[in-house]
PDB file of N, CA and C in Angstrom:
ATOM      1  N   MET A   1      58.326 292.108 148.172  1.00  0.00           N
ATOM      2  CA  MET A   1      57.863 291.891 146.817  1.00  0.00           C
ATOM      3  C   MET A   1      58.454 290.601 146.239  1.00  0.00           C
ATOM      4  N   LEU A   2      59.720 290.366 146.515  1.00  0.00           N
ATOM      5  CA  LEU A   2      60.375 289.165 146.026  1.00  0.00           C
ATOM      6  C   LEU A   2      59.788 287.921 146.691  1.00  0.00           C
ATOM      7  N   HIS A   3      59.393 288.034 147.948  1.00  0.00           N
ATOM      8  CA  HIS A   3      58.789 286.914 148.643  1.00  0.00           C
ATOM      9  C   HIS A   3      57.446 286.544 148.025  1.00  0.00           C
ATOM     10  N   LEU A   4      56.681 287.523 147.651  1.00  0.00           N
ATOM     11  CA  LEU A   4      55.380 287.280 147.022  1.00  0.00           C
ATOM     12  C   LEU A   4      55.555 286.601 145.667  1.00  0.00           C
ATOM     13  N   LEU A   5      56.520 287.047 144.888  1.00  0.00           N
ATOM     14  CA  LEU A   5      56.809 286.421 143.599  1.00  0.00           C
ATOM     15  C   LEU A   5      57.253 284.972 143.796  1.00  0.00           C
ATOM     16  N   TYR A   6      58.070 284.724 144.809  1.00  0.00           N
ATOM     17  CA  TYR A   6      58.519 283.375 145.119  1.00  0.00           C
ATOM     18  C   TYR A   6      57.330 282.480 145.475  1.00  0.00           C
ATOM     19  N   LEU A   7      56.407 282.946 146.288  1.00  0.00           N
ATOM     20  CA  LEU A   7      55.234 282.167 146.664  1.00  0.00           C
ATOM     21  C   LEU A   7      54.345 281.858 145.464  1.00  0.00           C
ATOM     22  N   VAL A   8      54.166 282.818 144.566  1.00  0.00           N
ATOM     23  CA  VAL A   8      53.321 282.614 143.390  1.00  0.00           C
ATOM     24  C   VAL A   8      53.965 281.578 142.460  1.00  0.00           C
ATOM     25  N   VAL A   9      55.248 281.689 142.221  1.00  0.00           N
ATOM     26  CA  VAL A   9      55.943 280.737 141.348  1.00  0.00           C
ATOM     27  C   VAL A   9      55.937 279.349 141.976  1.00  0.00           C
ATOM     28  N   PHE A  10      56.182 279.251 143.273  1.00  0.00           N
ATOM     29  CA  PHE A  10      56.173 277.960 143.947  1.00  0.00           C
ATOM     30  C   PHE A  10      54.785 277.321 143.882  1.00  0.00           C
ATOM     31  N   THR A  11      53.731 278.123 144.063  1.00  0.00           N
ATOM     32  CA  THR A  11      52.361 277.610 144.000  1.00  0.00           C
ATOM     33  C   THR A  11      52.038 277.092 142.606  1.00  0.00           C
ATOM     34  N   ILE A  12      52.444 277.809 141.577  1.00  0.00           N
ATOM     35  CA  ILE A  12      52.203 277.372 140.198  1.00  0.00           C
ATOM     36  C   ILE A  12      52.945 276.073 139.913  1.00  0.00           C
ATOM     37  N   LEU A  13      54.207 275.993 140.339  1.00  0.00           N
ATOM     38  CA  LEU A  13      54.976 274.765 140.132  1.00  0.00           C
ATOM     39  C   LEU A  13      54.368 273.584 140.903  1.00  0.00           C
ATOM     40  N   ALA A  14      53.864 273.828 142.088  1.00  0.00           N
ATOM     41  CA  ALA A  14      53.251 272.758 142.869  1.00  0.00           C
ATOM     42  C   ALA A  14      51.986 272.246 142.168  1.00  0.00           C
ATOM     43  N   PHE A  15      51.157 273.153 141.642  1.00  0.00           N
ATOM     44  CA  PHE A  15      49.956 272.722 140.919  1.00  0.00           C
ATOM     45  C   PHE A  15      50.325 271.943 139.658  1.00  0.00           C
ATOM     46  N   LEU A  16      51.341 272.389 138.943  1.00  0.00           N
ATOM     47  CA  LEU A  16      51.777 271.662 137.751  1.00  0.00           C
ATOM     48  C   LEU A  16      52.297 270.263 138.102  1.00  0.00           C
ATOM     49  N   ALA A  17      53.032 270.152 139.189  1.00  0.00           N
ATOM     50  CA  ALA A  17      53.568 268.850 139.594  1.00  0.00           C
ATOM     51  C   ALA A  17      52.445 267.898 140.005  1.00  0.00           C
ATOM     52  N   ILE A  18      51.466 268.413 140.741  1.00  0.00           N
ATOM     53  CA  ILE A  18      50.351 267.563 141.165  1.00  0.00           C
ATOM     54  C   ILE A  18      49.508 267.154 139.954  1.00  0.00           C
ATOM     55  N   ALA A  19      49.277 268.070 139.019  1.00  0.00           N
ATOM     56  CA  ALA A  19      48.514 267.728 137.813  1.00  0.00           C
ATOM     57  C   ALA A  19      49.248 266.678 136.987  1.00  0.00           C
ATOM     58  N   ASN A  20      50.563 266.800 136.878  1.00  0.00           N
ATOM     59  CA  ASN A  20      51.353 265.821 136.138  1.00  0.00           C
ATOM     60  C   ASN A  20      51.303 264.461 136.840  1.00  0.00           C
ATOM     61  N   MET A  21      51.355 264.429 138.159  1.00  0.00           N
ATOM     62  CA  MET A  21      51.290 263.181 138.905  1.00  0.00           C
ATOM     63  C   MET A  21      49.927 262.504 138.708  1.00  0.00           C
ATOM     64  N   ILE A  22      48.858 263.263 138.749  1.00  0.00           N
ATOM     65  CA  ILE A  22      47.524 262.690 138.548  1.00  0.00           C
ATOM     66  C   ILE A  22      47.385 262.160 137.132  1.00  0.00           C
ATOM     67  N   ARG A  23      47.888 262.889 136.145  1.00  0.00           N
ATOM     68  CA  ARG A  23      47.823 262.439 134.754  1.00  0.00           C
ATOM     69  C   ARG A  23      48.636 261.150 134.575  1.00  0.00           C
ATOM     70  N   SER A  24      49.778 261.045 135.216  1.00  0.00           N
ATOM     71  CA  SER A  24      50.585 259.826 135.130  1.00  0.00           C
ATOM     72  C   SER A  24      49.880 258.645 135.793  1.00  0.00           C
ATOM     73  N   LEU A  25      49.252 258.867 136.939  1.00  0.00           N
ATOM     74  CA  LEU A  25      48.518 257.795 137.610  1.00  0.00           C
ATOM     75  C   LEU A  25      47.357 257.307 136.753  1.00  0.00           C
ATOM     76  N   LEU A  26      46.654 258.221 136.099  1.00  0.00           N
ATOM     77  CA  LEU A  26      45.548 257.815 135.230  1.00  0.00           C
ATOM     78  C   LEU A  26      46.062 257.029 134.025  1.00  0.00           C
ATOM     79  N   THR A  27      47.203 257.419 133.493  1.00  0.00           N
ATOM     80  CA  THR A  27      47.775 256.698 132.361  1.00  0.00           C
ATOM     81  C   THR A  27      48.197 255.295 132.767  1.00  0.00           C
ATOM     82  N   ILE A  28      48.838 255.170 133.915  1.00  0.00           N
ATOM     83  CA  ILE A  28      49.274 253.856 134.386  1.00  0.00           C
ATOM     84  C   ILE A  28      48.080 252.976 134.718  1.00  0.00           C
ATOM     85  N   SER A  29      47.046 253.542 135.331  1.00  0.00           N
ATOM     86  CA  SER A  29      45.886 252.728 135.682  1.00  0.00           C
ATOM     87  C   SER A  29      45.134 252.272 134.441  1.00  0.00           C
ATOM     88  N   SER A  30      45.155 253.053 133.377  1.00  0.00           N
ATOM     89  CA  SER A  30      44.480 252.607 132.151  1.00  0.00           C
ATOM     90  C   SER A  30      45.297 251.534 131.438  1.00  0.00           C
ATOM     91  N   MET A  31      46.605 251.479 131.687  1.00  0.00           N
ATOM     92  CA  MET A  31      47.425 250.427 131.088  1.00  0.00           C
ATOM     93  C   MET A  31      47.201 249.099 131.798  1.00  0.00           C
ATOM     94  N   ASP A  32      46.836 249.113 133.077  1.00  0.00           N
ATOM     95  CA  ASP A  32      46.637 247.891 133.845  1.00  0.00           C
ATOM     96  C   ASP A  32      45.334 247.187 133.498  1.00  0.00           C
ATOM     97  N   THR A  33      44.338 247.917 133.060  1.00  0.00           N
ATOM     98  CA  THR A  33      43.062 247.293 132.738  1.00  0.00           C
ATOM     99  C   THR A  33      43.187 246.576 131.402  1.00  0.00           C
ATOM    100  N   PRO A  34      42.690 245.346 131.330  1.00  0.00           N
ATOM    101  CA  PRO A  34      42.788 244.611 130.060  1.00  0.00           C
ATOM    102  C   PRO A  34      41.867 245.221 129.023  1.00  0.00           C
ATOM    103  N   ARG A  35      42.384 245.382 127.847  1.00  0.00           N
ATOM    104  CA  ARG A  35      41.582 245.928 126.759  1.00  0.00           C
ATOM    105  C   ARG A  35      40.914 244.784 126.029  1.00  0.00           C
ATOM    106  N   ARG A  36      39.680 244.972 125.701  1.00  0.00           N
ATOM    107  CA  ARG A  36      38.924 243.940 125.007  1.00  0.00           C
ATOM    108  C   ARG A  36      38.759 244.363 123.559  1.00  0.00           C
ATOM    109  N   TYR A  37      39.351 243.583 122.690  1.00  0.00           N
ATOM    110  CA  TYR A  37      39.229 243.829 121.273  1.00  0.00           C
ATOM    111  C   TYR A  37      38.213 242.850 120.706  1.00  0.00           C
ATOM    112  N   PRO A  38      37.341 243.305 119.848  1.00  0.00           N
ATOM    113  CA  PRO A  38      36.377 242.373 119.270  1.00  0.00           C
ATOM    114  C   PRO A  38      37.083 241.414 118.322  1.00  0.00           C
ATOM    115  N   PRO A  39      36.715 240.142 118.376  1.00  0.00           N
ATOM    116  CA  PRO A  39      37.349 239.181 117.469  1.00  0.00           C
ATOM    117  C   PRO A  39      36.937 239.461 116.033  1.00  0.00           C
ATOM    118  N   SER A  40      37.826 239.150 115.145  1.00  0.00           N
ATOM    119  CA  SER A  40      37.530 239.376 113.742  1.00  0.00           C
ATOM    120  C   SER A  40      37.481 238.044 113.022  1.00  0.00           C
ATOM    121  N   GLY A  41      36.877 238.018 111.901  1.00  0.00           N
ATOM    122  CA  GLY A  41      36.853 236.818 111.082  1.00  0.00           C
ATOM    123  C   GLY A  41      35.662 235.934 111.369  1.00  0.00           C
ATOM    124  N   PRO A  42      35.831 234.619 111.236  1.00  0.00           N
ATOM    125  CA  PRO A  42      34.696 233.705 111.319  1.00  0.00           C
ATOM    126  C   PRO A  42      34.140 233.519 112.724  1.00  0.00           C
ATOM    127  N   TYR A  43      34.742 234.117 113.732  1.00  0.00           N
ATOM    128  CA  TYR A  43      34.273 233.903 115.094  1.00  0.00           C
ATOM    129  C   TYR A  43      33.228 234.925 115.507  1.00  0.00           C
ATOM    130  N   MET A  44      32.839 235.820 114.626  1.00  0.00           N
ATOM    131  CA  MET A  44      31.780 236.765 114.941  1.00  0.00           C
ATOM    132  C   MET A  44      30.437 236.084 114.726  1.00  0.00           C
ATOM    133  N   THR A  45      29.534 236.255 115.668  1.00  0.00           N
ATOM    134  CA  THR A  45      28.182 235.750 115.506  1.00  0.00           C
ATOM    135  C   THR A  45      27.233 236.931 115.629  1.00  0.00           C
ATOM    136  N   SER A  46      26.278 237.018 114.744  1.00  0.00           N
ATOM    137  CA  SER A  46      25.407 238.181 114.727  1.00  0.00           C
ATOM    138  C   SER A  46      24.360 238.142 115.829  1.00  0.00           C
ATOM    139  N   ALA A  47      23.865 236.961 116.193  1.00  0.00           N
ATOM    140  CA  ALA A  47      22.794 236.878 117.174  1.00  0.00           C
ATOM    141  C   ALA A  47      23.306 237.075 118.602  1.00  0.00           C
ATOM    142  N   THR A  48      24.461 236.530 118.925  1.00  0.00           N
ATOM    143  CA  THR A  48      24.949 236.582 120.304  1.00  0.00           C
ATOM    144  C   THR A  48      26.085 237.569 120.508  1.00  0.00           C
ATOM    145  N   GLY A  49      26.432 238.329 119.520  1.00  0.00           N
ATOM    146  CA  GLY A  49      27.552 239.256 119.659  1.00  0.00           C
ATOM    147  C   GLY A  49      28.842 238.547 119.340  1.00  0.00           C
ATOM    148  N   TYR A  50      29.780 238.567 120.296  1.00  0.00           N
ATOM    149  CA  TYR A  50      31.073 237.936 120.081  1.00  0.00           C
ATOM    150  C   TYR A  50      31.204 236.735 121.006  1.00  0.00           C
ATOM    151  N   ARG A  51      31.870 235.709 120.541  1.00  0.00           N
ATOM    152  CA  ARG A  51      32.165 234.577 121.410  1.00  0.00           C
ATOM    153  C   ARG A  51      33.673 234.455 121.545  1.00  0.00           C
ATOM    154  N   THR A  52      34.092 233.837 122.614  1.00  0.00           N
ATOM    155  CA  THR A  52      35.523 233.731 122.863  1.00  0.00           C
ATOM    156  C   THR A  52      36.122 232.650 121.968  1.00  0.00           C
ATOM    157  N   VAL A  53      37.373 232.846 121.607  1.00  0.00           N
ATOM    158  CA  VAL A  53      38.081 231.907 120.749  1.00  0.00           C
ATOM    159  C   VAL A  53      39.067 231.143 121.621  1.00  0.00           C
ATOM    160  N   PRO A  54      38.901 229.812 121.752  1.00  0.00           N
ATOM    161  CA  PRO A  54      39.831 229.051 122.592  1.00  0.00           C
ATOM    162  C   PRO A  54      41.182 228.887 121.910  1.00  0.00           C
ATOM    163  N   HIS A  55      42.174 228.578 122.708  1.00  0.00           N
ATOM    164  CA  HIS A  55      43.515 228.339 122.194  1.00  0.00           C
ATOM    165  C   HIS A  55      43.499 227.083 121.325  1.00  0.00           C
ATOM    166  N   PRO A  56      44.269 227.042 120.238  1.00  0.00           N
ATOM    167  CA  PRO A  56      44.246 225.878 119.342  1.00  0.00           C
ATOM    168  C   PRO A  56      44.607 224.560 120.016  1.00  0.00           C
ATOM    169  N   GLU A  57      45.414 224.586 121.073  1.00  0.00           N
ATOM    170  CA  GLU A  57      45.763 223.345 121.753  1.00  0.00           C
ATOM    171  C   GLU A  57      44.594 222.777 122.545  1.00  0.00           C
ATOM    172  N   LEU A  58      43.556 223.582 122.787  1.00  0.00           N
ATOM    173  CA  LEU A  58      42.391 223.112 123.518  1.00  0.00           C
ATOM    174  C   LEU A  58      41.312 222.565 122.596  1.00  0.00           C
ATOM    175  N   LEU A  59      41.624 222.446 121.291  1.00  0.00           N
ATOM    176  CA  LEU A  59      40.671 221.935 120.319  1.00  0.00           C
ATOM    177  C   LEU A  59      41.162 220.609 119.765  1.00  0.00           C
ATOM    178  N   ASP A  60      40.217 219.725 119.415  1.00  0.00           N
ATOM    179  CA  ASP A  60      40.610 218.470 118.791  1.00  0.00           C
ATOM    180  C   ASP A  60      40.755 218.678 117.282  1.00  0.00           C
ATOM    181  N   ASP A  61      40.920 217.587 116.535  1.00  0.00           N
ATOM    182  CA  ASP A  61      41.137 217.690 115.088  1.00  0.00           C
ATOM    183  C   ASP A  61      39.941 218.286 114.363  1.00  0.00           C
ATOM    184  N   ALA A  62      38.745 218.085 114.878  1.00  0.00           N
ATOM    185  CA  ALA A  62      37.537 218.608 114.234  1.00  0.00           C
ATOM    186  C   ALA A  62      37.252 220.046 114.640  1.00  0.00           C
ATOM    187  N   GLY A  63      38.002 220.590 115.572  1.00  0.00           N
ATOM    188  CA  GLY A  63      37.793 221.969 116.006  1.00  0.00           C
ATOM    189  C   GLY A  63      36.875 222.104 117.197  1.00  0.00           C
ATOM    190  N   ASN A  64      36.520 220.996 117.821  1.00  0.00           N
ATOM    191  CA  ASN A  64      35.651 221.024 119.003  1.00  0.00           C
ATOM    192  C   ASN A  64      36.502 221.112 120.259  1.00  0.00           C
ATOM    193  N   PRO A  65      35.988 221.796 121.296  1.00  0.00           N
ATOM    194  CA  PRO A  65      36.767 221.913 122.539  1.00  0.00           C
ATOM    195  C   PRO A  65      36.957 220.565 123.214  1.00  0.00           C
ATOM    196  N   ILE A  66      38.120 220.387 123.820  1.00  0.00           N
ATOM    197  CA  ILE A  66      38.447 219.166 124.549  1.00  0.00           C
ATOM    198  C   ILE A  66      37.978 219.348 125.991  1.00  0.00           C
ATOM    199  N   ASN A  67      37.251 218.364 126.513  1.00  0.00           N
ATOM    200  CA  ASN A  67      36.738 218.448 127.881  1.00  0.00           C
ATOM    201  C   ASN A  67      37.438 217.485 128.830  1.00  0.00           C
ATOM    202  N   GLU A  68      38.625 217.044 128.496  1.00  0.00           N
ATOM    203  CA  GLU A  68      39.361 216.126 129.348  1.00  0.00           C
ATOM    204  C   GLU A  68      40.630 216.814 129.837  1.00  0.00           C
ATOM    205  N   PRO A  69      41.189 216.347 130.932  1.00  0.00           N
ATOM    206  CA  PRO A  69      42.415 216.982 131.437  1.00  0.00           C
ATOM    207  C   PRO A  69      43.565 216.774 130.460  1.00  0.00           C
ATOM    208  N   LEU A  70      44.379 217.808 130.311  1.00  0.00           N
ATOM    209  CA  LEU A  70      45.491 217.757 129.363  1.00  0.00           C
ATOM    210  C   LEU A  70      46.762 217.208 129.991  1.00  0.00           C
ATOM    211  N   LEU A  71      46.881 217.282 131.286  1.00  0.00           N
ATOM    212  CA  LEU A  71      48.087 216.819 131.951  1.00  0.00           C
ATOM    213  C   LEU A  71      47.699 216.099 133.232  1.00  0.00           C
ATOM    214  N   VAL A  72      48.089 214.871 133.324  1.00  0.00           N
ATOM    215  CA  VAL A  72      47.831 214.092 134.522  1.00  0.00           C
ATOM    216  C   VAL A  72      49.179 213.697 135.092  1.00  0.00           C
ATOM    217  N   MET A  73      49.428 214.069 136.317  1.00  0.00           N
ATOM    218  CA  MET A  73      50.704 213.763 136.954  1.00  0.00           C
ATOM    219  C   MET A  73      50.455 212.834 138.127  1.00  0.00           C
ATOM    220  N   ARG A  74      51.334 211.910 138.306  1.00  0.00           N
ATOM    221  CA  ARG A  74      51.251 211.040 139.466  1.00  0.00           C
ATOM    222  C   ARG A  74      52.592 211.111 140.186  1.00  0.00           C
ATOM    223  N   SER A  75      52.540 210.919 141.463  1.00  0.00           N
ATOM    224  CA  SER A  75      53.783 210.966 142.211  1.00  0.00           C
ATOM    225  C   SER A  75      54.485 209.622 142.085  1.00  0.00           C
ATOM    226  N   MET A  76      55.779 209.680 141.995  1.00  0.00           N
ATOM    227  CA  MET A  76      56.577 208.461 141.901  1.00  0.00           C
ATOM    228  C   MET A  76      57.854 208.656 142.687  1.00  0.00           C
ATOM    229  N   SER A  77      58.419 207.569 143.059  1.00  0.00           N
ATOM    230  CA  SER A  77      59.628 207.647 143.863  1.00  0.00           C
ATOM    231  C   SER A  77      60.837 207.904 142.958  1.00  0.00           C
ATOM    232  N   VAL A  78      61.917 208.250 143.576  1.00  0.00           N
ATOM    233  CA  VAL A  78      63.147 208.523 142.839  1.00  0.00           C
ATOM    234  C   VAL A  78      63.650 207.251 142.166  1.00  0.00           C
ATOM    235  N   GLU A  79      63.494 206.124 142.840  1.00  0.00           N
ATOM    236  CA  GLU A  79      63.949 204.859 142.263  1.00  0.00           C
ATOM    237  C   GLU A  79      63.164 204.504 141.011  1.00  0.00           C
ATOM    238  N   ASP A  80      61.829 204.706 141.045  1.00  0.00           N
ATOM    239  CA  ASP A  80      61.009 204.437 139.858  1.00  0.00           C
ATOM    240  C   ASP A  80      61.430 205.327 138.690  1.00  0.00           C
ATOM    241  N   ALA A  81      61.670 206.582 138.977  1.00  0.00           N
ATOM    242  CA  ALA A  81      62.089 207.501 137.920  1.00  0.00           C
ATOM    243  C   ALA A  81      63.445 207.091 137.365  1.00  0.00           C
ATOM    244  N   ARG A  82      64.367 206.701 138.232  1.00  0.00           N
ATOM    245  CA  ARG A  82      65.695 206.279 137.781  1.00  0.00           C
ATOM    246  C   ARG A  82      65.608 205.020 136.926  1.00  0.00           C
ATOM    247  N   GLU A  83      64.730 204.071 137.316  1.00  0.00           N
ATOM    248  CA  GLU A  83      64.562 202.855 136.523  1.00  0.00           C
ATOM    249  C   GLU A  83      64.000 203.163 135.138  1.00  0.00           C
ATOM    250  N   GLN A  84      63.038 204.072 135.076  1.00  0.00           N
ATOM    251  CA  GLN A  84      62.467 204.425 133.776  1.00  0.00           C
ATOM    252  C   GLN A  84      63.492 205.137 132.901  1.00  0.00           C
ATOM    253  N   LEU A  85      64.290 206.000 133.488  1.00  0.00           N
ATOM    254  CA  LEU A  85      65.320 206.690 132.707  1.00  0.00           C
ATOM    255  C   LEU A  85      66.394 205.711 132.226  1.00  0.00           C
ATOM    256  N   ASP A  86      66.772 204.762 133.086  1.00  0.00           N
ATOM    257  CA  ASP A  86      67.753 203.750 132.676  1.00  0.00           C
ATOM    258  C   ASP A  86      67.207 202.892 131.542  1.00  0.00           C
ATOM    259  N   ALA A  87      65.927 202.521 131.619  1.00  0.00           N
ATOM    260  CA  ALA A  87      65.323 201.723 130.558  1.00  0.00           C
ATOM    261  C   ALA A  87      65.283 202.498 129.247  1.00  0.00           C
ATOM    262  N   LEU A  88      64.978 203.790 129.315  1.00  0.00           N
ATOM    263  CA  LEU A  88      64.994 204.612 128.103  1.00  0.00           C
ATOM    264  C   LEU A  88      66.402 204.709 127.525  1.00  0.00           C
ATOM    265  N   TYR A  89      67.378 204.881 128.414  1.00  0.00           N
ATOM    266  CA  TYR A  89      68.752 204.999 127.953  1.00  0.00           C
ATOM    267  C   TYR A  89      69.228 203.705 127.300  1.00  0.00           C
ATOM    268  N   LYS A  90      68.893 202.572 127.913  1.00  0.00           N
ATOM    269  CA  LYS A  90      69.336 201.282 127.375  1.00  0.00           C
ATOM    270  C   LYS A  90      68.639 200.935 126.066  1.00  0.00           C
ATOM    271  N   SER A  91      67.415 201.443 125.869  1.00  0.00           N
ATOM    272  CA  SER A  91      66.693 201.141 124.630  1.00  0.00           C
ATOM    273  C   SER A  91      66.977 202.153 123.524  1.00  0.00           C
ATOM    274  N   SER A  92      67.781 203.162 123.799  1.00  0.00           N
ATOM    275  CA  SER A  92      68.077 204.162 122.778  1.00  0.00           C
ATOM    276  C   SER A  92      68.967 203.557 121.693  1.00  0.00           C
ATOM    277  N   PRO A  93      68.865 204.029 120.430  1.00  0.00           N
ATOM    278  CA  PRO A  93      69.617 203.420 119.337  1.00  0.00           C
ATOM    279  C   PRO A  93      71.132 203.599 119.443  1.00  0.00           C
ATOM    280  N   GLY A  94      71.617 204.639 120.084  1.00  0.00           N
ATOM    281  CA  GLY A  94      73.049 204.877 120.167  1.00  0.00           C
ATOM    282  C   GLY A  94      73.725 204.089 121.263  1.00  0.00           C
ATOM    283  N   ASN A  95      72.973 203.411 122.083  1.00  0.00           N
ATOM    284  CA  ASN A  95      73.547 202.689 123.211  1.00  0.00           C
ATOM    285  C   ASN A  95      73.905 201.273 122.785  1.00  0.00           C
ATOM    286  N   SER A  96      75.124 200.885 123.049  1.00  0.00           N
ATOM    287  CA  SER A  96      75.531 199.495 122.782  1.00  0.00           C
ATOM    288  C   SER A  96      75.554 198.744 124.103  1.00  0.00           C
ATOM    289  N   SER A  97      75.291 197.466 124.052  1.00  0.00           N
ATOM    290  CA  SER A  97      75.216 196.692 125.297  1.00  0.00           C
ATOM    291  C   SER A  97      76.598 196.411 125.875  1.00  0.00           C
ATOM    292  N   GLU A  98      77.631 196.490 125.032  1.00  0.00           N
ATOM    293  CA  GLU A  98      78.989 196.230 125.512  1.00  0.00           C
ATOM    294  C   GLU A  98      79.624 197.525 125.988  1.00  0.00           C
ATOM    295  N   PRO A  99      80.389 197.459 127.039  1.00  0.00           N
ATOM    296  CA  PRO A  99      81.082 198.685 127.490  1.00  0.00           C
ATOM    297  C   PRO A  99      82.174 199.045 126.471  1.00  0.00           C
ATOM    298  N   GLN A 100      82.319 200.338 126.259  1.00  0.00           N
ATOM    299  CA  GLN A 100      83.286 200.806 125.269  1.00  0.00           C
ATOM    300  C   GLN A 100      84.645 201.001 125.933  1.00  0.00           C
ATOM    301  N   GLU A 101      85.690 200.700 125.178  1.00  0.00           N
ATOM    302  CA  GLU A 101      87.057 200.870 125.657  1.00  0.00           C
ATOM    303  C   GLU A 101      87.559 202.232 125.194  1.00  0.00           C
ATOM    304  N   ASP A 102      88.189 202.971 126.075  1.00  0.00           N
ATOM    305  CA  ASP A 102      88.749 204.280 125.694  1.00  0.00           C
ATOM    306  C   ASP A 102      90.190 204.164 125.269  1.00  0.00           C
TER     307      ASP A 102
END
């Protein structure tokens, strides 16, 4: 009789554990999907639904999107970089042309 009670309790606990695991997996999977919130304010258009709002740095002064690259990098040698840094340092206002005595 005690063995039967043990099996029934173990079976109930196993079903509860599996149900809790499935509920947790569903909760985690719903957190991974991006939620889409409708934009509010002046960006709503009635004919086309909603349009995306670009980041402010991607707009010019008039509010139009910029279609040019924002960052252009070129490779340069270490010597070129050192020369440019030295020129910046020498042209800085706190730099004096005479060596300072300690």
